[in-house]
Amino acid sequence: MKIQINNNRKISNTDSNDKAQYINEERDMELENIVGNMMIAQYQVDKLRSRLSERISGYGSASNKKASAHMFRHNDKWYKVTIKVDETTTHYPEVDEDVK
């Protein structure tokens, strides 16, 4: 949805009278919402990466567990999801770029 707004920005008037002119601009609200959501998502990813890093490094947990499991049932079948996290280093720049 595109809407036209008057954002009350004044521009210099080159005419002889002293009336200020206002700029009208079109804004795509859907595009602005998408970009805003992307910025929020990136912030959340950064915070989660920080929390995960602290947890794996041992600062956030007394037990220092590096794995987690979750079991659930769906359509009369049981599922188990196990996550294991290891700290590692790479010496390959292409791997570092893929991870970002």
C-alpha atoms as a PDB file:
ATOM      1  CA  MET A   1       0.000   0.000   0.000  1.00  0.00           C
ATOM      2  CA  LYS A   2       1.423   3.323  -1.015  1.00  0.00           C
ATOM      3  CA  ILE A   3       0.264   6.493   0.634  1.00  0.00           C
ATOM      4  CA  GLN A   4       1.146  10.076   0.050  1.00  0.00           C
ATOM      5  CA  ILE A   5       1.953  12.152   3.082  1.00  0.00           C
ATOM      6  CA  ASN A   6       2.839  15.704   3.859  1.00  0.00           C
ATOM      7  CA  ASN A   7       5.824  15.400   6.149  1.00  0.00           C
ATOM      8  CA  ASN A   8       5.983  19.117   6.933  1.00  0.00           C
ATOM      9  CA  ARG A   9       9.543  19.475   5.696  1.00  0.00           C
ATOM     10  CA  LYS A  10      10.065  22.997   4.475  1.00  0.00           C
ATOM     11  CA  ILE A  11      12.214  23.821   1.494  1.00  0.00           C
ATOM     12  CA  SER A  12      13.683  27.166   0.625  1.00  0.00           C
ATOM     13  CA  ASN A  13      11.471  29.220  -1.601  1.00  0.00           C
ATOM     14  CA  THR A  14      13.145  30.874  -4.564  1.00  0.00           C
ATOM     15  CA  ASP A  15      10.128  33.093  -5.223  1.00  0.00           C
ATOM     16  CA  SER A  16      10.000  36.668  -4.013  1.00  0.00           C
ATOM     17  CA  ASN A  17       7.329  35.911  -1.382  1.00  0.00           C
ATOM     18  CA  ASP A  18       8.262  34.414   1.989  1.00  0.00           C
ATOM     19  CA  LYS A  19       5.830  31.439   2.009  1.00  0.00           C
ATOM     20  CA  ALA A  20       7.454  28.115   2.774  1.00  0.00           C
ATOM     21  CA  GLN A  21       6.743  25.188   0.466  1.00  0.00           C
ATOM     22  CA  TYR A  22       6.086  21.675   1.775  1.00  0.00           C
ATOM     23  CA  ILE A  23       7.406  18.468   0.242  1.00  0.00           C
ATOM     24  CA  ASN A  24       4.914  15.721  -0.481  1.00  0.00           C
ATOM     25  CA  GLU A  25       6.417  12.253  -0.738  1.00  0.00           C
ATOM     26  CA  GLU A  26       5.053   8.784  -1.329  1.00  0.00           C
ATOM     27  CA  ARG A  27       5.825   6.086   1.214  1.00  0.00           C
ATOM     28  CA  ASP A  28       5.448   2.348   0.754  1.00  0.00           C
ATOM     29  CA  MET A  29       4.237   1.212   4.174  1.00  0.00           C
ATOM     30  CA  GLU A  30       4.609  -2.493   3.362  1.00  0.00           C
ATOM     31  CA  LEU A  31       8.247  -1.954   2.362  1.00  0.00           C
ATOM     32  CA  GLU A  32       8.897   0.066   5.512  1.00  0.00           C
ATOM     33  CA  ASN A  33       7.344  -2.710   7.636  1.00  0.00           C
ATOM     34  CA  ILE A  34       9.489  -5.363   5.938  1.00  0.00           C
ATOM     35  CA  VAL A  35      12.675  -3.364   6.483  1.00  0.00           C
ATOM     36  CA  GLY A  36      11.684  -2.667  10.088  1.00  0.00           C
ATOM     37  CA  ASN A  37      11.030  -6.355  10.708  1.00  0.00           C
ATOM     38  CA  MET A  38      14.416  -7.223   9.188  1.00  0.00           C
ATOM     39  CA  MET A  39      16.140  -4.777  11.529  1.00  0.00           C
ATOM     40  CA  ILE A  40      14.326  -6.273  14.535  1.00  0.00           C
ATOM     41  CA  ALA A  41      15.188  -9.810  13.399  1.00  0.00           C
ATOM     42  CA  GLN A  42      18.870  -8.915  12.998  1.00  0.00           C
ATOM     43  CA  TYR A  43      18.902  -7.417  16.509  1.00  0.00           C
ATOM     44  CA  GLN A  44      17.303 -10.586  17.889  1.00  0.00           C
ATOM     45  CA  VAL A  45      19.820 -12.796  16.056  1.00  0.00           C
ATOM     46  CA  ASP A  46      22.708 -10.747  17.462  1.00  0.00           C
ATOM     47  CA  LYS A  47      21.317 -11.008  21.007  1.00  0.00           C
ATOM     48  CA  LEU A  48      20.751 -14.767  20.685  1.00  0.00           C
ATOM     49  CA  ARG A  49      24.263 -15.284  19.327  1.00  0.00           C
ATOM     50  CA  SER A  50      25.657 -13.366  22.298  1.00  0.00           C
ATOM     51  CA  ARG A  51      23.603 -15.400  24.779  1.00  0.00           C
ATOM     52  CA  LEU A  52      24.599 -18.677  23.124  1.00  0.00           C
ATOM     53  CA  SER A  53      28.260 -17.686  23.110  1.00  0.00           C
ATOM     54  CA  GLU A  54      28.150 -16.772  26.798  1.00  0.00           C
ATOM     55  CA  ARG A  55      26.328 -19.985  27.649  1.00  0.00           C
ATOM     56  CA  ILE A  56      28.806 -22.190  25.786  1.00  0.00           C
ATOM     57  CA  SER A  57      31.739 -20.328  27.255  1.00  0.00           C
ATOM     58  CA  GLY A  58      30.429 -21.201  30.713  1.00  0.00           C
ATOM     59  CA  TYR A  59      29.363 -17.766  31.951  1.00  0.00           C
ATOM     60  CA  GLY A  60      25.618 -18.420  31.871  1.00  0.00           C
ATOM     61  CA  SER A  61      25.413 -21.903  33.320  1.00  0.00           C
ATOM     62  CA  ALA A  62      26.741 -23.565  36.428  1.00  0.00           C
ATOM     63  CA  SER A  63      26.443 -27.021  34.868  1.00  0.00           C
ATOM     64  CA  ASN A  64      27.973 -25.909  31.540  1.00  0.00           C
ATOM     65  CA  LYS A  65      25.836 -28.316  29.482  1.00  0.00           C
ATOM     66  CA  LYS A  66      26.487 -28.033  25.768  1.00  0.00           C
ATOM     67  CA  ALA A  67      23.554 -30.117  24.560  1.00  0.00           C
ATOM     68  CA  SER A  68      19.801 -30.002  24.823  1.00  0.00           C
ATOM     69  CA  ALA A  69      16.994 -32.405  23.912  1.00  0.00           C
ATOM     70  CA  HIS A  70      13.308 -31.911  23.367  1.00  0.00           C
ATOM     71  CA  MET A  71      10.730 -34.651  22.839  1.00  0.00           C
ATOM     72  CA  PHE A  72       7.255 -34.183  21.429  1.00  0.00           C
ATOM     73  CA  ARG A  73       4.421 -36.214  19.991  1.00  0.00           C
ATOM     74  CA  HIS A  74       2.664 -35.478  16.708  1.00  0.00           C
ATOM     75  CA  ASN A  75       0.177 -37.706  14.833  1.00  0.00           C
ATOM     76  CA  ASP A  76       0.799 -40.645  17.180  1.00  0.00           C
ATOM     77  CA  LYS A  77       4.574 -40.528  16.575  1.00  0.00           C
ATOM     78  CA  TRP A  78       7.252 -39.433  19.019  1.00  0.00           C
ATOM     79  CA  TYR A  79      10.097 -37.171  17.952  1.00  0.00           C
ATOM     80  CA  LYS A  80      13.287 -36.206  19.742  1.00  0.00           C
ATOM     81  CA  VAL A  81      15.255 -33.150  18.716  1.00  0.00           C
ATOM     82  CA  THR A  82      18.790 -32.957  20.085  1.00  0.00           C
ATOM     83  CA  ILE A  83      21.006 -29.927  19.752  1.00  0.00           C
ATOM     84  CA  LYS A  84      24.711 -30.015  20.487  1.00  0.00           C
ATOM     85  CA  VAL A  85      26.836 -26.898  20.348  1.00  0.00           C
ATOM     86  CA  ASP A  86      30.612 -26.860  20.129  1.00  0.00           C
ATOM     87  CA  GLU A  87      32.930 -23.902  20.010  1.00  0.00           C
ATOM     88  CA  THR A  88      35.264 -24.112  17.044  1.00  0.00           C
ATOM     89  CA  THR A  89      37.636 -22.098  14.906  1.00  0.00           C
ATOM     90  CA  THR A  90      38.084 -22.138  11.156  1.00  0.00           C
ATOM     91  CA  HIS A  91      41.090 -21.308   9.067  1.00  0.00           C
ATOM     92  CA  TYR A  92      39.136 -20.994   5.851  1.00  0.00           C
ATOM     93  CA  PRO A  93      37.816 -17.519   4.915  1.00  0.00           C
ATOM     94  CA  GLU A  94      35.049 -18.959   2.697  1.00  0.00           C
ATOM     95  CA  VAL A  95      33.617 -20.870   5.679  1.00  0.00           C
ATOM     96  CA  ASP A  96      33.688 -17.721   7.797  1.00  0.00           C
ATOM     97  CA  GLU A  97      31.723 -15.841   5.109  1.00  0.00           C
ATOM     98  CA  ASP A  98      29.129 -18.647   4.791  1.00  0.00           C
ATOM     99  CA  VAL A  99      28.461 -18.630   8.535  1.00  0.00           C
ATOM    100  CA  LYS A 100      27.684 -14.881   8.627  1.00  0.00           C
END
